[in-house]
Amino acid sequence: MKVSLPLSAEEQATLEAQARARGVTVDSLVRTAVLEIIAGNGQKVQGTKPTKACLGALAHLRRAPSAEEIDENRAEMFANFGRDEIA
């Protein structure tokens, strides 16, 4: 099967430079990339929306509570735990 890709001059030059840097032909480089996509190993496909890093996705929550704050909250929550059962 033959596939034709419409590439700009800049894209073509970049592709050729990548192939030269890896010591392979452009055909071989493109074939390898296509086979990775077919096999399901192509992690990054052009045109997909980048995902946020875990910390970046949680940045809107601001800072995490300190260990002291967690201990205080835990003590408040469990201060009367089970007291209703004892009577």
C-alpha atoms as a PDB file:
ATOM      1  CA  MET A   1       0.000   0.000   0.000  1.00  0.00           C
ATOM      2  CA  LYS A   2       1.251   3.459  -0.849  1.00  0.00           C
ATOM      3  CA  VAL A   3       0.319   6.457   1.263  1.00  0.00           C
ATOM      4  CA  SER A   4       0.773  10.068   0.253  1.00  0.00           C
ATOM      5  CA  LEU A   5       1.194  12.688   2.959  1.00  0.00           C
ATOM      6  CA  PRO A   6       0.790  16.363   2.151  1.00  0.00           C
ATOM      7  CA  LEU A   7       3.625  17.996   4.125  1.00  0.00           C
ATOM      8  CA  SER A   8       4.806  21.581   4.118  1.00  0.00           C
ATOM      9  CA  ALA A   9       8.402  22.254   3.126  1.00  0.00           C
ATOM     10  CA  GLU A  10       9.251  22.835   6.792  1.00  0.00           C
ATOM     11  CA  GLU A  11       7.610  19.576   7.889  1.00  0.00           C
ATOM     12  CA  GLN A  12       9.405  17.673   5.150  1.00  0.00           C
ATOM     13  CA  ALA A  13      12.769  19.178   6.128  1.00  0.00           C
ATOM     14  CA  THR A  14      12.153  18.285   9.780  1.00  0.00           C
ATOM     15  CA  LEU A  15      11.229  14.722   8.858  1.00  0.00           C
ATOM     16  CA  GLU A  16      14.357  14.355   6.730  1.00  0.00           C
ATOM     17  CA  ALA A  17      16.516  15.772   9.539  1.00  0.00           C
ATOM     18  CA  GLN A  18      14.984  13.320  12.034  1.00  0.00           C
ATOM     19  CA  ALA A  19      15.674  10.415   9.690  1.00  0.00           C
ATOM     20  CA  ARG A  20      19.288  11.545   9.152  1.00  0.00           C
ATOM     21  CA  ALA A  21      19.819  11.949  12.897  1.00  0.00           C
ATOM     22  CA  ARG A  22      18.642   8.363  13.437  1.00  0.00           C
ATOM     23  CA  GLY A  23      20.625   7.017  10.500  1.00  0.00           C
ATOM     24  CA  VAL A  24      17.592   5.702   8.629  1.00  0.00           C
ATOM     25  CA  THR A  25      15.642   6.614   5.527  1.00  0.00           C
ATOM     26  CA  VAL A  26      12.528   8.761   5.676  1.00  0.00           C
ATOM     27  CA  ASP A  27      10.467   5.762   4.503  1.00  0.00           C
ATOM     28  CA  SER A  28      11.863   3.621   7.308  1.00  0.00           C
ATOM     29  CA  LEU A  29      11.211   6.306   9.924  1.00  0.00           C
ATOM     30  CA  VAL A  30       7.610   6.815   8.797  1.00  0.00           C
ATOM     31  CA  ARG A  31       7.026   3.058   8.554  1.00  0.00           C
ATOM     32  CA  THR A  32       8.278   2.594  12.127  1.00  0.00           C
ATOM     33  CA  ALA A  33       5.970   5.340  13.384  1.00  0.00           C
ATOM     34  CA  VAL A  34       2.971   3.867  11.556  1.00  0.00           C
ATOM     35  CA  LEU A  35       3.693   0.359  12.863  1.00  0.00           C
ATOM     36  CA  GLU A  36       3.848   1.720  16.427  1.00  0.00           C
ATOM     37  CA  ILE A  37       0.446   3.348  15.950  1.00  0.00           C
ATOM     38  CA  ILE A  38      -1.002   0.137  14.512  1.00  0.00           C
ATOM     39  CA  ALA A  39       0.427  -1.884  17.410  1.00  0.00           C
ATOM     40  CA  GLY A  40      -1.088   0.551  19.894  1.00  0.00           C
ATOM     41  CA  ASN A  41       2.287   1.754  21.165  1.00  0.00           C
ATOM     42  CA  GLY A  42       1.975   5.223  19.643  1.00  0.00           C
ATOM     43  CA  GLN A  43       1.679   7.181  22.870  1.00  0.00           C
ATOM     44  CA  LYS A  44       1.480  10.618  21.314  1.00  0.00           C
ATOM     45  CA  VAL A  45      -0.477  11.198  18.134  1.00  0.00           C
ATOM     46  CA  GLN A  46      -0.441  14.613  16.483  1.00  0.00           C
ATOM     47  CA  GLY A  47      -3.651  16.501  17.022  1.00  0.00           C
ATOM     48  CA  THR A  48      -4.569  15.034  20.395  1.00  0.00           C
ATOM     49  CA  LYS A  49      -5.107  17.387  23.302  1.00  0.00           C
ATOM     50  CA  PRO A  50      -2.216  17.268  25.786  1.00  0.00           C
ATOM     51  CA  THR A  51      -3.099  16.097  29.261  1.00  0.00           C
ATOM     52  CA  LYS A  52      -2.221  17.986  32.407  1.00  0.00           C
ATOM     53  CA  ALA A  53       0.352  16.646  34.797  1.00  0.00           C
ATOM     54  CA  CYS A  54      -1.153  15.309  38.029  1.00  0.00           C
ATOM     55  CA  LEU A  55       0.025  18.249  40.100  1.00  0.00           C
ATOM     56  CA  GLY A  56      -1.105  20.694  37.436  1.00  0.00           C
ATOM     57  CA  ALA A  57      -4.573  19.153  37.412  1.00  0.00           C
ATOM     58  CA  LEU A  58      -4.847  19.681  41.178  1.00  0.00           C
ATOM     59  CA  ALA A  59      -3.344  23.177  41.225  1.00  0.00           C
ATOM     60  CA  HIS A  60      -6.763  24.804  41.620  1.00  0.00           C
ATOM     61  CA  LEU A  61      -7.023  23.185  45.085  1.00  0.00           C
ATOM     62  CA  ARG A  62      -4.101  25.291  46.271  1.00  0.00           C
ATOM     63  CA  ARG A  63      -1.862  24.060  49.081  1.00  0.00           C
ATOM     64  CA  ALA A  64      -2.356  20.811  50.957  1.00  0.00           C
ATOM     65  CA  PRO A  65      -3.155  20.881  54.677  1.00  0.00           C
ATOM     66  CA  SER A  66      -0.199  20.450  57.011  1.00  0.00           C
ATOM     67  CA  ALA A  67       0.217  17.387  59.219  1.00  0.00           C
ATOM     68  CA  GLU A  68      -0.834  19.466  62.244  1.00  0.00           C
ATOM     69  CA  GLU A  69      -4.032  20.601  60.501  1.00  0.00           C
ATOM     70  CA  ILE A  70      -4.861  17.023  59.567  1.00  0.00           C
ATOM     71  CA  ASP A  71      -4.297  15.873  63.170  1.00  0.00           C
ATOM     72  CA  GLU A  72      -6.519  18.690  64.509  1.00  0.00           C
ATOM     73  CA  ASN A  73      -9.320  17.863  62.064  1.00  0.00           C
ATOM     74  CA  ARG A  74      -9.076  14.163  62.854  1.00  0.00           C
ATOM     75  CA  ALA A  75      -9.262  14.863  66.596  1.00  0.00           C
ATOM     76  CA  GLU A  76     -12.360  17.061  66.090  1.00  0.00           C
ATOM     77  CA  MET A  77     -14.087  14.495  63.881  1.00  0.00           C
ATOM     78  CA  PHE A  78     -13.532  11.597  66.254  1.00  0.00           C
ATOM     79  CA  ALA A  79     -13.909  13.457  69.573  1.00  0.00           C
ATOM     80  CA  ASN A  80     -17.414  12.095  70.181  1.00  0.00           C
ATOM     81  CA  PHE A  81     -17.200   9.020  67.976  1.00  0.00           C
ATOM     82  CA  GLY A  82     -19.057   6.143  69.599  1.00  0.00           C
ATOM     83  CA  ARG A  83     -20.123   8.220  72.613  1.00  0.00           C
ATOM     84  CA  ASP A  84     -23.814   7.896  71.673  1.00  0.00           C
ATOM     85  CA  GLU A  85     -23.502   4.119  71.876  1.00  0.00           C
ATOM     86  CA  ILE A  86     -22.248   4.165  75.474  1.00  0.00           C
ATOM     87  CA  ALA A  87     -25.029   4.964  77.934  1.00  0.00           C
END
